[in-house]
Amino acid sequence: MTVGKAKTWSVPDWRPRRTTVLAFALLAPSLLFLALFTYWPVVQVLWQSLHGQVRVGGPQAYVGAQNFLKLFADPAFRKALANNLVYALGTVIPSLVLALGFAMALARSSRVNALFRALFFLPVLIPLVAAASIFLFLFLPNIGLIDYHLAKLAISGPNWLGDPDVALWSIMALTVWKNAGYYMLFFLAGLQAVPADAYEAAILDGAGPWQRLRYVTLPYLKPTIGFVLVIGLLNVVTQVDHVFVLTKGGPSDSTNLLLFYVYQQAVENYDAGRAAAGTLVMLALLLVVTASSLRTLERSFGEKDA
């Protein structure tokens, strides 16, 4: 009869490894700044959205969801939300279409294409405030550059920034001009990943240009389109400098966007609670749209790997 060896139990060593300590030490400054300048402001906005002044000049008091109820009951907020939806559709889709067209036209490397790439990318290098100042000169009624050339054709242009039916479209034109060249870079990179064999096979099968675009180019560009869509939607909500320069939300709130509405509540109306509530609504919309876009992006990668 043999007696087995007794099992020996060892206490696991929970002491952190030297490499782990070094990694956290190197990440500590970045984590500290991330907490101070990203997560702590979010906590402050959340706290502010639940508090407000019961009377003017009084201390902050807990008001619960009153700031959100006042926010959604405000016609100006609903107008800004509707404007932002129209602004998103009128800028993101045209910008993506133009960027894809520019990228496909300039995909081949040559000196002429390099020159046109630089020209299309040039608006990206211009600050948004400076670009708005340029377009302000273009849109001036009667004496602006656009009306000057229209007058030579005996055409009377509208009040580009003073007409409530036209002002938002004028701002959309500036946004598309500013962002299309930036999105073009991503599509140029995406087109490099499309295999030439796929185009050759499509040509042998008798596919025309539209069919090659639909069944070859666009399926391979799905990840790029999803990524650019997320960037475009973020720009729609976070870019508001041109509204300050051109219209300040007018006329008749026709160009008032969500971020400019938050600015009005915080700076002009001194209603920090409603401004914080509007910020959280914007953040929630961004999270929903970004999550859905990234979900589509993941599905595209899954289908591509399959």
C-alpha atoms as a PDB file:
ATOM      1  CA  MET A   1       0.000   0.000   0.000  1.00  0.00           C
ATOM      2  CA  THR A   2       1.461   3.264  -1.087  1.00  0.00           C
ATOM      3  CA  VAL A   3       0.749   6.475   0.589  1.00  0.00           C
ATOM      4  CA  GLY A   4       0.423   9.447  -1.743  1.00  0.00           C
ATOM      5  CA  LYS A   5       2.292  12.585  -1.144  1.00  0.00           C
ATOM      6  CA  ALA A   6       0.448  15.191   0.882  1.00  0.00           C
ATOM      7  CA  LYS A   7      -0.745  18.165  -1.103  1.00  0.00           C
ATOM      8  CA  THR A   8       0.910  21.428  -0.324  1.00  0.00           C
ATOM      9  CA  TRP A   9      -1.068  24.657  -0.509  1.00  0.00           C
ATOM     10  CA  SER A  10       0.635  27.909  -1.265  1.00  0.00           C
ATOM     11  CA  VAL A  11      -0.760  31.343  -0.614  1.00  0.00           C
ATOM     12  CA  PRO A  12      -0.963  33.273  -3.877  1.00  0.00           C
ATOM     13  CA  ASP A  13       1.298  36.220  -4.125  1.00  0.00           C
ATOM     14  CA  TRP A  14      -0.946  39.283  -4.555  1.00  0.00           C
ATOM     15  CA  ARG A  15       1.906  41.707  -4.621  1.00  0.00           C
ATOM     16  CA  PRO A  16       1.801  43.747  -7.821  1.00  0.00           C
ATOM     17  CA  ARG A  17       4.504  43.080 -10.291  1.00  0.00           C
ATOM     18  CA  ARG A  18       7.067  45.717 -10.961  1.00  0.00           C
ATOM     19  CA  THR A  19       5.852  46.122 -14.548  1.00  0.00           C
ATOM     20  CA  THR A  20       2.267  46.676 -13.349  1.00  0.00           C
ATOM     21  CA  VAL A  21       3.360  49.359 -10.905  1.00  0.00           C
ATOM     22  CA  LEU A  22       5.426  51.004 -13.623  1.00  0.00           C
ATOM     23  CA  ALA A  23       2.493  50.926 -16.042  1.00  0.00           C
ATOM     24  CA  PHE A  24       0.132  52.585 -13.556  1.00  0.00           C
ATOM     25  CA  ALA A  25       2.804  55.135 -12.674  1.00  0.00           C
ATOM     26  CA  LEU A  26       3.156  56.100 -16.333  1.00  0.00           C
ATOM     27  CA  LEU A  27      -0.610  56.253 -16.802  1.00  0.00           C
ATOM     28  CA  ALA A  28      -1.259  58.195 -13.590  1.00  0.00           C
ATOM     29  CA  PRO A  29      -0.840  61.713 -15.083  1.00  0.00           C
ATOM     30  CA  SER A  30      -3.149  60.924 -17.998  1.00  0.00           C
ATOM     31  CA  LEU A  31      -5.711  59.287 -15.720  1.00  0.00           C
ATOM     32  CA  LEU A  32      -5.581  62.270 -13.385  1.00  0.00           C
ATOM     33  CA  PHE A  33      -6.190  64.776 -16.175  1.00  0.00           C
ATOM     34  CA  LEU A  34      -8.909  62.547 -17.631  1.00  0.00           C
ATOM     35  CA  ALA A  35     -10.692  62.452 -14.272  1.00  0.00           C
ATOM     36  CA  LEU A  36     -10.305  66.182 -13.627  1.00  0.00           C
ATOM     37  CA  PHE A  37     -11.202  67.523 -17.049  1.00  0.00           C
ATOM     38  CA  THR A  38     -13.592  64.850 -18.398  1.00  0.00           C
ATOM     39  CA  TYR A  39     -15.386  62.828 -15.741  1.00  0.00           C
ATOM     40  CA  TRP A  40     -15.547  65.452 -12.997  1.00  0.00           C
ATOM     41  CA  PRO A  41     -17.217  68.047 -15.297  1.00  0.00           C
ATOM     42  CA  VAL A  42     -19.787  65.393 -16.265  1.00  0.00           C
ATOM     43  CA  VAL A  43     -20.530  64.811 -12.576  1.00  0.00           C
ATOM     44  CA  GLN A  44     -20.855  68.563 -12.058  1.00  0.00           C
ATOM     45  CA  VAL A  45     -23.261  68.909 -14.978  1.00  0.00           C
ATOM     46  CA  LEU A  46     -25.332  66.008 -13.647  1.00  0.00           C
ATOM     47  CA  TRP A  47     -25.464  67.649 -10.198  1.00  0.00           C
ATOM     48  CA  GLN A  48     -26.338  71.043 -11.686  1.00  0.00           C
ATOM     49  CA  SER A  49     -29.169  69.574 -13.788  1.00  0.00           C
ATOM     50  CA  LEU A  50     -30.878  68.435 -10.569  1.00  0.00           C
ATOM     51  CA  HIS A  51     -30.445  71.758  -8.756  1.00  0.00           C
ATOM     52  CA  GLY A  52     -31.527  75.295  -9.363  1.00  0.00           C
ATOM     53  CA  GLN A  53     -32.330  78.594  -7.738  1.00  0.00           C
ATOM     54  CA  VAL A  54     -35.740  78.631  -6.136  1.00  0.00           C
ATOM     55  CA  ARG A  55     -35.620  82.426  -6.190  1.00  0.00           C
ATOM     56  CA  VAL A  56     -33.374  84.834  -8.039  1.00  0.00           C
ATOM     57  CA  GLY A  57     -30.122  85.296  -6.170  1.00  0.00           C
ATOM     58  CA  GLY A  58     -30.928  82.503  -3.731  1.00  0.00           C
ATOM     59  CA  PRO A  59     -28.889  79.407  -2.962  1.00  0.00           C
ATOM     60  CA  GLN A  60     -28.926  76.266  -5.067  1.00  0.00           C
ATOM     61  CA  ALA A  61     -31.655  73.824  -4.072  1.00  0.00           C
ATOM     62  CA  TYR A  62     -32.590  70.333  -5.210  1.00  0.00           C
ATOM     63  CA  VAL A  63     -35.363  70.558  -7.798  1.00  0.00           C
ATOM     64  CA  GLY A  64     -35.314  67.027  -9.206  1.00  0.00           C
ATOM     65  CA  ALA A  65     -36.530  66.763 -12.780  1.00  0.00           C
ATOM     66  CA  GLN A  66     -37.943  70.291 -12.963  1.00  0.00           C
ATOM     67  CA  ASN A  67     -35.092  71.521 -15.140  1.00  0.00           C
ATOM     68  CA  PHE A  68     -35.793  68.765 -17.666  1.00  0.00           C
ATOM     69  CA  LEU A  69     -39.540  69.453 -17.606  1.00  0.00           C
ATOM     70  CA  LYS A  70     -38.932  73.162 -18.209  1.00  0.00           C
ATOM     71  CA  LEU A  71     -36.456  72.273 -20.944  1.00  0.00           C
ATOM     72  CA  PHE A  72     -38.865  70.149 -22.963  1.00  0.00           C
ATOM     73  CA  ALA A  73     -41.668  72.641 -22.371  1.00  0.00           C
ATOM     74  CA  ASP A  74     -39.562  75.438 -23.862  1.00  0.00           C
ATOM     75  CA  PRO A  75     -40.516  76.093 -27.527  1.00  0.00           C
ATOM     76  CA  ALA A  76     -37.020  77.483 -28.160  1.00  0.00           C
ATOM     77  CA  PHE A  77     -35.472  74.144 -27.159  1.00  0.00           C
ATOM     78  CA  ARG A  78     -37.826  72.186 -29.413  1.00  0.00           C
ATOM     79  CA  LYS A  79     -36.993  74.583 -32.237  1.00  0.00           C
ATOM     80  CA  ALA A  80     -33.254  74.139 -31.619  1.00  0.00           C
ATOM     81  CA  LEU A  81     -33.688  70.344 -31.575  1.00  0.00           C
ATOM     82  CA  ALA A  82     -35.583  70.417 -34.875  1.00  0.00           C
ATOM     83  CA  ASN A  83     -32.969  72.746 -36.380  1.00  0.00           C
ATOM     84  CA  ASN A  84     -30.191  70.401 -35.295  1.00  0.00           C
ATOM     85  CA  LEU A  85     -31.902  67.421 -36.938  1.00  0.00           C
ATOM     86  CA  VAL A  86     -32.324  69.327 -40.201  1.00  0.00           C
ATOM     87  CA  TYR A  87     -28.786  70.623 -39.907  1.00  0.00           C
ATOM     88  CA  ALA A  88     -27.452  67.091 -39.382  1.00  0.00           C
ATOM     89  CA  LEU A  89     -29.262  65.688 -42.417  1.00  0.00           C
ATOM     90  CA  GLY A  90     -28.348  68.683 -44.563  1.00  0.00           C
ATOM     91  CA  THR A  91     -24.649  68.607 -43.741  1.00  0.00           C
ATOM     92  CA  VAL A  92     -23.559  65.051 -42.956  1.00  0.00           C
ATOM     93  CA  ILE A  93     -25.111  63.349 -46.000  1.00  0.00           C
ATOM     94  CA  PRO A  94     -23.933  65.933 -48.599  1.00  0.00           C
ATOM     95  CA  SER A  95     -20.479  66.047 -46.987  1.00  0.00           C
ATOM     96  CA  LEU A  96     -20.135  62.258 -47.166  1.00  0.00           C
ATOM     97  CA  VAL A  97     -21.352  62.137 -50.771  1.00  0.00           C
ATOM     98  CA  LEU A  98     -18.979  64.898 -51.867  1.00  0.00           C
ATOM     99  CA  ALA A  99     -16.086  63.405 -49.924  1.00  0.00           C
ATOM    100  CA  LEU A 100     -16.633  60.002 -51.519  1.00  0.00           C
ATOM    101  CA  GLY A 101     -16.860  61.591 -54.965  1.00  0.00           C
ATOM    102  CA  PHE A 102     -13.653  63.563 -54.425  1.00  0.00           C
ATOM    103  CA  ALA A 103     -11.862  60.476 -53.123  1.00  0.00           C
ATOM    104  CA  MET A 104     -12.910  58.308 -56.057  1.00  0.00           C
ATOM    105  CA  ALA A 105     -11.928  60.994 -58.550  1.00  0.00           C
ATOM    106  CA  LEU A 106      -8.529  61.536 -56.910  1.00  0.00           C
ATOM    107  CA  ALA A 107      -7.718  57.961 -55.862  1.00  0.00           C
ATOM    108  CA  ARG A 108      -4.883  57.559 -58.354  1.00  0.00           C
ATOM    109  CA  SER A 109      -1.582  59.098 -57.363  1.00  0.00           C
ATOM    110  CA  SER A 110      -0.391  61.852 -59.664  1.00  0.00           C
ATOM    111  CA  ARG A 111       0.827  65.405 -59.394  1.00  0.00           C
ATOM    112  CA  VAL A 112      -2.474  66.841 -60.589  1.00  0.00           C
ATOM    113  CA  ASN A 113      -4.455  64.721 -58.135  1.00  0.00           C
ATOM    114  CA  ALA A 114      -2.101  65.701 -55.325  1.00  0.00           C
ATOM    115  CA  LEU A 115      -2.738  69.360 -56.132  1.00  0.00           C
ATOM    116  CA  PHE A 116      -6.515  68.891 -56.109  1.00  0.00           C
ATOM    117  CA  ARG A 117      -6.322  66.926 -52.845  1.00  0.00           C
ATOM    118  CA  ALA A 118      -4.508  69.848 -51.254  1.00  0.00           C
ATOM    119  CA  LEU A 119      -7.076  72.310 -52.610  1.00  0.00           C
ATOM    120  CA  PHE A 120     -10.025  70.268 -51.312  1.00  0.00           C
ATOM    121  CA  PHE A 121      -8.330  69.843 -47.941  1.00  0.00           C
ATOM    122  CA  LEU A 122      -7.493  73.547 -47.613  1.00  0.00           C
ATOM    123  CA  PRO A 123     -10.831  74.530 -45.941  1.00  0.00           C
ATOM    124  CA  VAL A 124     -10.047  72.108 -43.116  1.00  0.00           C
ATOM    125  CA  LEU A 125      -6.987  74.184 -42.200  1.00  0.00           C
ATOM    126  CA  ILE A 126      -9.033  77.381 -41.893  1.00  0.00           C
ATOM    127  CA  PRO A 127     -10.458  77.938 -38.390  1.00  0.00           C
ATOM    128  CA  LEU A 128     -14.230  77.838 -38.271  1.00  0.00           C
ATOM    129  CA  VAL A 129     -14.453  81.442 -37.058  1.00  0.00           C
ATOM    130  CA  ALA A 130     -12.296  82.621 -39.976  1.00  0.00           C
ATOM    131  CA  ALA A 131     -14.340  80.532 -42.423  1.00  0.00           C
ATOM    132  CA  ALA A 132     -17.534  82.083 -41.051  1.00  0.00           C
ATOM    133  CA  SER A 133     -16.050  85.550 -41.535  1.00  0.00           C
ATOM    134  CA  ILE A 134     -15.275  84.707 -45.165  1.00  0.00           C
ATOM    135  CA  PHE A 135     -18.816  83.478 -45.768  1.00  0.00           C
ATOM    136  CA  LEU A 136     -20.195  86.563 -44.024  1.00  0.00           C
ATOM    137  CA  PHE A 137     -18.576  88.594 -46.787  1.00  0.00           C
ATOM    138  CA  LEU A 138     -20.080  86.253 -49.379  1.00  0.00           C
ATOM    139  CA  PHE A 139     -23.590  86.413 -47.899  1.00  0.00           C
ATOM    140  CA  LEU A 140     -23.860  90.171 -47.322  1.00  0.00           C
ATOM    141  CA  PRO A 141     -27.113  91.354 -48.961  1.00  0.00           C
ATOM    142  CA  ASN A 142     -26.719  93.418 -52.137  1.00  0.00           C
ATOM    143  CA  ILE A 143     -22.978  94.024 -51.674  1.00  0.00           C
ATOM    144  CA  GLY A 144     -21.783  90.494 -50.948  1.00  0.00           C
ATOM    145  CA  LEU A 145     -19.790  88.534 -53.509  1.00  0.00           C
ATOM    146  CA  ILE A 146     -22.668  86.167 -54.307  1.00  0.00           C
ATOM    147  CA  ASP A 147     -25.228  88.950 -54.817  1.00  0.00           C
ATOM    148  CA  TYR A 148     -22.678  90.947 -56.832  1.00  0.00           C
ATOM    149  CA  HIS A 149     -22.333  88.193 -59.422  1.00  0.00           C
ATOM    150  CA  LEU A 150     -26.046  87.369 -59.364  1.00  0.00           C
ATOM    151  CA  ALA A 151     -26.807  91.022 -60.123  1.00  0.00           C
ATOM    152  CA  LYS A 152     -24.684  90.764 -63.271  1.00  0.00           C
ATOM    153  CA  LEU A 153     -27.040  87.995 -64.383  1.00  0.00           C
ATOM    154  CA  ALA A 154     -30.060  90.160 -63.502  1.00  0.00           C
ATOM    155  CA  ILE A 155     -30.926  87.809 -60.617  1.00  0.00           C
ATOM    156  CA  SER A 156     -31.913  89.101 -57.203  1.00  0.00           C
ATOM    157  CA  GLY A 157     -30.587  86.843 -54.467  1.00  0.00           C
ATOM    158  CA  PRO A 158     -32.387  86.265 -51.168  1.00  0.00           C
ATOM    159  CA  ASN A 159     -31.296  87.623 -47.848  1.00  0.00           C
ATOM    160  CA  TRP A 160     -28.954  84.724 -47.175  1.00  0.00           C
ATOM    161  CA  LEU A 161     -28.631  85.287 -43.435  1.00  0.00           C
ATOM    162  CA  GLY A 162     -31.724  87.405 -42.738  1.00  0.00           C
ATOM    163  CA  ASP A 163     -34.418  85.190 -44.225  1.00  0.00           C
ATOM    164  CA  PRO A 164     -35.629  82.500 -41.762  1.00  0.00           C
ATOM    165  CA  ASP A 165     -36.247  80.103 -44.668  1.00  0.00           C
ATOM    166  CA  VAL A 166     -32.725  80.487 -46.082  1.00  0.00           C
ATOM    167  CA  ALA A 167     -30.395  81.241 -43.155  1.00  0.00           C
ATOM    168  CA  LEU A 168     -30.018  77.645 -41.941  1.00  0.00           C
ATOM    169  CA  TRP A 169     -29.250  76.455 -45.472  1.00  0.00           C
ATOM    170  CA  SER A 170     -26.552  79.108 -45.775  1.00  0.00           C
ATOM    171  CA  ILE A 171     -24.898  77.796 -42.610  1.00  0.00           C
ATOM    172  CA  MET A 172     -25.201  74.262 -43.989  1.00  0.00           C
ATOM    173  CA  ALA A 173     -23.314  75.345 -47.131  1.00  0.00           C
ATOM    174  CA  LEU A 174     -20.456  76.628 -44.969  1.00  0.00           C
ATOM    175  CA  THR A 175     -20.353  73.373 -42.974  1.00  0.00           C
ATOM    176  CA  VAL A 176     -20.283  71.176 -46.069  1.00  0.00           C
ATOM    177  CA  TRP A 177     -17.527  73.298 -47.618  1.00  0.00           C
ATOM    178  CA  LYS A 178     -15.533  73.068 -44.385  1.00  0.00           C
ATOM    179  CA  ASN A 179     -15.854  69.314 -43.702  1.00  0.00           C
ATOM    180  CA  ALA A 180     -15.996  67.564 -47.083  1.00  0.00           C
ATOM    181  CA  GLY A 181     -12.238  67.726 -47.616  1.00  0.00           C
ATOM    182  CA  TYR A 182     -11.591  66.292 -44.160  1.00  0.00           C
ATOM    183  CA  TYR A 183     -13.842  63.292 -44.751  1.00  0.00           C
ATOM    184  CA  MET A 184     -12.213  62.823 -48.153  1.00  0.00           C
ATOM    185  CA  LEU A 185      -8.974  61.730 -46.446  1.00  0.00           C
ATOM    186  CA  PHE A 186     -10.714  58.811 -44.734  1.00  0.00           C
ATOM    187  CA  PHE A 187     -12.318  57.674 -47.971  1.00  0.00           C
ATOM    188  CA  LEU A 188      -8.985  57.897 -49.770  1.00  0.00           C
ATOM    189  CA  ALA A 189      -7.517  55.588 -47.141  1.00  0.00           C
ATOM    190  CA  GLY A 190     -10.522  53.264 -47.389  1.00  0.00           C
ATOM    191  CA  LEU A 191     -10.257  53.001 -51.171  1.00  0.00           C
ATOM    192  CA  GLN A 192      -6.696  51.735 -50.817  1.00  0.00           C
ATOM    193  CA  ALA A 193      -8.099  48.655 -49.077  1.00  0.00           C
ATOM    194  CA  VAL A 194     -10.400  47.726 -51.976  1.00  0.00           C
ATOM    195  CA  PRO A 195      -8.638  44.907 -53.867  1.00  0.00           C
ATOM    196  CA  ALA A 196      -8.062  45.449 -57.560  1.00  0.00           C
ATOM    197  CA  ASP A 197      -9.163  41.848 -58.216  1.00  0.00           C
ATOM    198  CA  ALA A 198     -12.695  42.745 -57.155  1.00  0.00           C
ATOM    199  CA  TYR A 199     -12.891  45.491 -59.772  1.00  0.00           C
ATOM    200  CA  GLU A 200     -11.393  43.259 -62.444  1.00  0.00           C
ATOM    201  CA  ALA A 201     -13.890  40.509 -61.690  1.00  0.00           C
ATOM    202  CA  ALA A 202     -16.764  42.992 -61.836  1.00  0.00           C
ATOM    203  CA  ILE A 203     -15.572  44.355 -65.185  1.00  0.00           C
ATOM    204  CA  LEU A 204     -15.309  40.827 -66.588  1.00  0.00           C
ATOM    205  CA  ASP A 205     -18.882  40.191 -65.460  1.00  0.00           C
ATOM    206  CA  GLY A 206     -20.006  43.248 -67.396  1.00  0.00           C
ATOM    207  CA  ALA A 207     -20.637  45.546 -64.432  1.00  0.00           C
ATOM    208  CA  GLY A 208     -20.898  49.214 -65.255  1.00  0.00           C
ATOM    209  CA  PRO A 209     -19.575  52.125 -63.157  1.00  0.00           C
ATOM    210  CA  TRP A 210     -22.731  52.363 -61.024  1.00  0.00           C
ATOM    211  CA  GLN A 211     -22.822  48.612 -60.433  1.00  0.00           C
ATOM    212  CA  ARG A 212     -19.139  48.588 -59.447  1.00  0.00           C
ATOM    213  CA  LEU A 213     -19.830  51.414 -57.013  1.00  0.00           C
ATOM    214  CA  ARG A 214     -22.849  49.676 -55.531  1.00  0.00           C
ATOM    215  CA  TYR A 215     -21.614  46.091 -55.314  1.00  0.00           C
ATOM    216  CA  VAL A 216     -17.835  46.517 -54.927  1.00  0.00           C
ATOM    217  CA  THR A 217     -16.818  49.936 -53.605  1.00  0.00           C
ATOM    218  CA  LEU A 218     -19.553  50.640 -51.084  1.00  0.00           C
ATOM    219  CA  PRO A 219     -19.477  47.191 -49.391  1.00  0.00           C
ATOM    220  CA  TYR A 220     -15.730  47.517 -48.816  1.00  0.00           C
ATOM    221  CA  LEU A 221     -16.184  51.085 -47.561  1.00  0.00           C
ATOM    222  CA  LYS A 222     -18.846  50.249 -44.964  1.00  0.00           C
ATOM    223  CA  PRO A 223     -16.405  50.483 -42.020  1.00  0.00           C
ATOM    224  CA  THR A 224     -15.070  53.795 -43.316  1.00  0.00           C
ATOM    225  CA  ILE A 225     -18.567  55.184 -43.847  1.00  0.00           C
ATOM    226  CA  GLY A 226     -19.559  54.196 -40.315  1.00  0.00           C
ATOM    227  CA  PHE A 227     -16.472  55.828 -38.834  1.00  0.00           C
ATOM    228  CA  VAL A 228     -16.892  59.046 -40.834  1.00  0.00           C
ATOM    229  CA  LEU A 229     -20.593  59.134 -39.936  1.00  0.00           C
ATOM    230  CA  VAL A 230     -19.747  59.150 -36.231  1.00  0.00           C
ATOM    231  CA  ILE A 231     -17.250  61.994 -36.722  1.00  0.00           C
ATOM    232  CA  GLY A 232     -19.774  63.949 -38.772  1.00  0.00           C
ATOM    233  CA  LEU A 233     -22.493  63.619 -36.136  1.00  0.00           C
ATOM    234  CA  LEU A 234     -20.072  64.714 -33.418  1.00  0.00           C
ATOM    235  CA  ASN A 235     -19.178  67.790 -35.459  1.00  0.00           C
ATOM    236  CA  VAL A 236     -22.851  68.607 -35.956  1.00  0.00           C
ATOM    237  CA  VAL A 237     -23.426  68.861 -32.207  1.00  0.00           C
ATOM    238  CA  THR A 238     -20.114  70.365 -31.111  1.00  0.00           C
ATOM    239  CA  GLN A 239     -19.441  72.979 -33.811  1.00  0.00           C
ATOM    240  CA  VAL A 240     -21.246  76.261 -33.178  1.00  0.00           C
ATOM    241  CA  ASP A 241     -18.647  78.990 -33.822  1.00  0.00           C
ATOM    242  CA  HIS A 242     -20.142  79.853 -37.225  1.00  0.00           C
ATOM    243  CA  VAL A 243     -23.560  80.450 -35.642  1.00  0.00           C
ATOM    244  CA  PHE A 244     -21.974  82.999 -33.287  1.00  0.00           C
ATOM    245  CA  VAL A 245     -20.328  84.858 -36.159  1.00  0.00           C
ATOM    246  CA  LEU A 246     -23.082  84.716 -38.786  1.00  0.00           C
ATOM    247  CA  THR A 247     -26.532  84.745 -37.167  1.00  0.00           C
ATOM    248  CA  LYS A 248     -26.389  84.326 -33.358  1.00  0.00           C
ATOM    249  CA  GLY A 249     -29.265  81.898 -33.654  1.00  0.00           C
ATOM    250  CA  GLY A 250     -31.523  84.197 -35.677  1.00  0.00           C
ATOM    251  CA  PRO A 251     -33.534  85.252 -37.434  1.00  0.00           C
ATOM    252  CA  SER A 252     -36.523  84.027 -35.378  1.00  0.00           C
ATOM    253  CA  ASP A 253     -34.431  81.172 -33.941  1.00  0.00           C
ATOM    254  CA  SER A 254     -34.187  79.631 -37.417  1.00  0.00           C
ATOM    255  CA  THR A 255     -30.472  78.863 -36.947  1.00  0.00           C
ATOM    256  CA  ASN A 256     -30.512  78.208 -33.214  1.00  0.00           C
ATOM    257  CA  LEU A 257     -28.763  74.886 -32.598  1.00  0.00           C
ATOM    258  CA  LEU A 258     -28.646  72.868 -29.374  1.00  0.00           C
ATOM    259  CA  LEU A 259     -25.201  73.992 -28.288  1.00  0.00           C
ATOM    260  CA  PHE A 260     -26.049  77.637 -28.926  1.00  0.00           C
ATOM    261  CA  TYR A 261     -29.277  77.172 -26.940  1.00  0.00           C
ATOM    262  CA  VAL A 262     -27.239  75.828 -24.004  1.00  0.00           C
ATOM    263  CA  TYR A 263     -24.969  78.867 -24.270  1.00  0.00           C
ATOM    264  CA  GLN A 264     -27.984  81.194 -24.206  1.00  0.00           C
ATOM    265  CA  GLN A 265     -29.402  79.560 -21.103  1.00  0.00           C
ATOM    266  CA  ALA A 266     -26.094  79.567 -19.218  1.00  0.00           C
ATOM    267  CA  VAL A 267     -24.640  82.952 -20.234  1.00  0.00           C
ATOM    268  CA  GLU A 268     -27.544  85.131 -21.306  1.00  0.00           C
ATOM    269  CA  ASN A 269     -30.393  83.832 -19.102  1.00  0.00           C
ATOM    270  CA  TYR A 270     -28.231  82.739 -16.124  1.00  0.00           C
ATOM    271  CA  ASP A 271     -30.182  79.474 -15.896  1.00  0.00           C
ATOM    272  CA  ALA A 272     -27.409  76.996 -15.189  1.00  0.00           C
ATOM    273  CA  GLY A 273     -29.830  74.204 -14.294  1.00  0.00           C
ATOM    274  CA  ARG A 274     -31.626  74.285 -17.635  1.00  0.00           C
ATOM    275  CA  ALA A 275     -28.316  74.629 -19.467  1.00  0.00           C
ATOM    276  CA  ALA A 276     -27.022  71.535 -17.657  1.00  0.00           C
ATOM    277  CA  ALA A 277     -30.200  69.633 -18.520  1.00  0.00           C
ATOM    278  CA  GLY A 278     -29.793  70.594 -22.170  1.00  0.00           C
ATOM    279  CA  THR A 279     -26.173  69.444 -22.078  1.00  0.00           C
ATOM    280  CA  LEU A 280     -27.202  66.037 -20.728  1.00  0.00           C
ATOM    281  CA  VAL A 281     -29.860  65.684 -23.419  1.00  0.00           C
ATOM    282  CA  MET A 282     -27.213  66.452 -26.053  1.00  0.00           C
ATOM    283  CA  LEU A 283     -24.877  63.923 -24.454  1.00  0.00           C
ATOM    284  CA  ALA A 284     -27.608  61.270 -24.450  1.00  0.00           C
ATOM    285  CA  LEU A 285     -28.365  61.884 -28.122  1.00  0.00           C
ATOM    286  CA  LEU A 286     -24.675  61.647 -28.959  1.00  0.00           C
ATOM    287  CA  LEU A 287     -24.323  58.380 -27.054  1.00  0.00           C
ATOM    288  CA  VAL A 288     -27.352  56.834 -28.783  1.00  0.00           C
ATOM    289  CA  VAL A 289     -26.280  57.893 -32.257  1.00  0.00           C
ATOM    290  CA  THR A 290     -22.645  56.934 -31.706  1.00  0.00           C
ATOM    291  CA  ALA A 291     -23.557  53.546 -30.228  1.00  0.00           C
ATOM    292  CA  SER A 292     -25.857  52.739 -33.151  1.00  0.00           C
ATOM    293  CA  SER A 293     -23.224  53.836 -35.659  1.00  0.00           C
ATOM    294  CA  LEU A 294     -20.517  51.786 -33.957  1.00  0.00           C
ATOM    295  CA  ARG A 295     -22.880  48.817 -33.847  1.00  0.00           C
ATOM    296  CA  THR A 296     -23.334  49.124 -37.591  1.00  0.00           C
ATOM    297  CA  LEU A 297     -19.570  49.392 -37.933  1.00  0.00           C
ATOM    298  CA  GLU A 298     -19.068  46.167 -35.957  1.00  0.00           C
ATOM    299  CA  ARG A 299     -21.593  44.350 -38.107  1.00  0.00           C
ATOM    300  CA  SER A 300     -19.765  45.552 -41.209  1.00  0.00           C
ATOM    301  CA  PHE A 301     -16.498  44.175 -39.900  1.00  0.00           C
ATOM    302  CA  GLY A 302     -18.232  40.911 -39.006  1.00  0.00           C
ATOM    303  CA  GLU A 303     -19.677  40.523 -42.473  1.00  0.00           C
ATOM    304  CA  LYS A 304     -16.301  41.363 -44.006  1.00  0.00           C
ATOM    305  CA  ASP A 305     -14.497  38.762 -41.899  1.00  0.00           C
ATOM    306  CA  ALA A 306     -17.143  36.155 -42.708  1.00  0.00           C
END
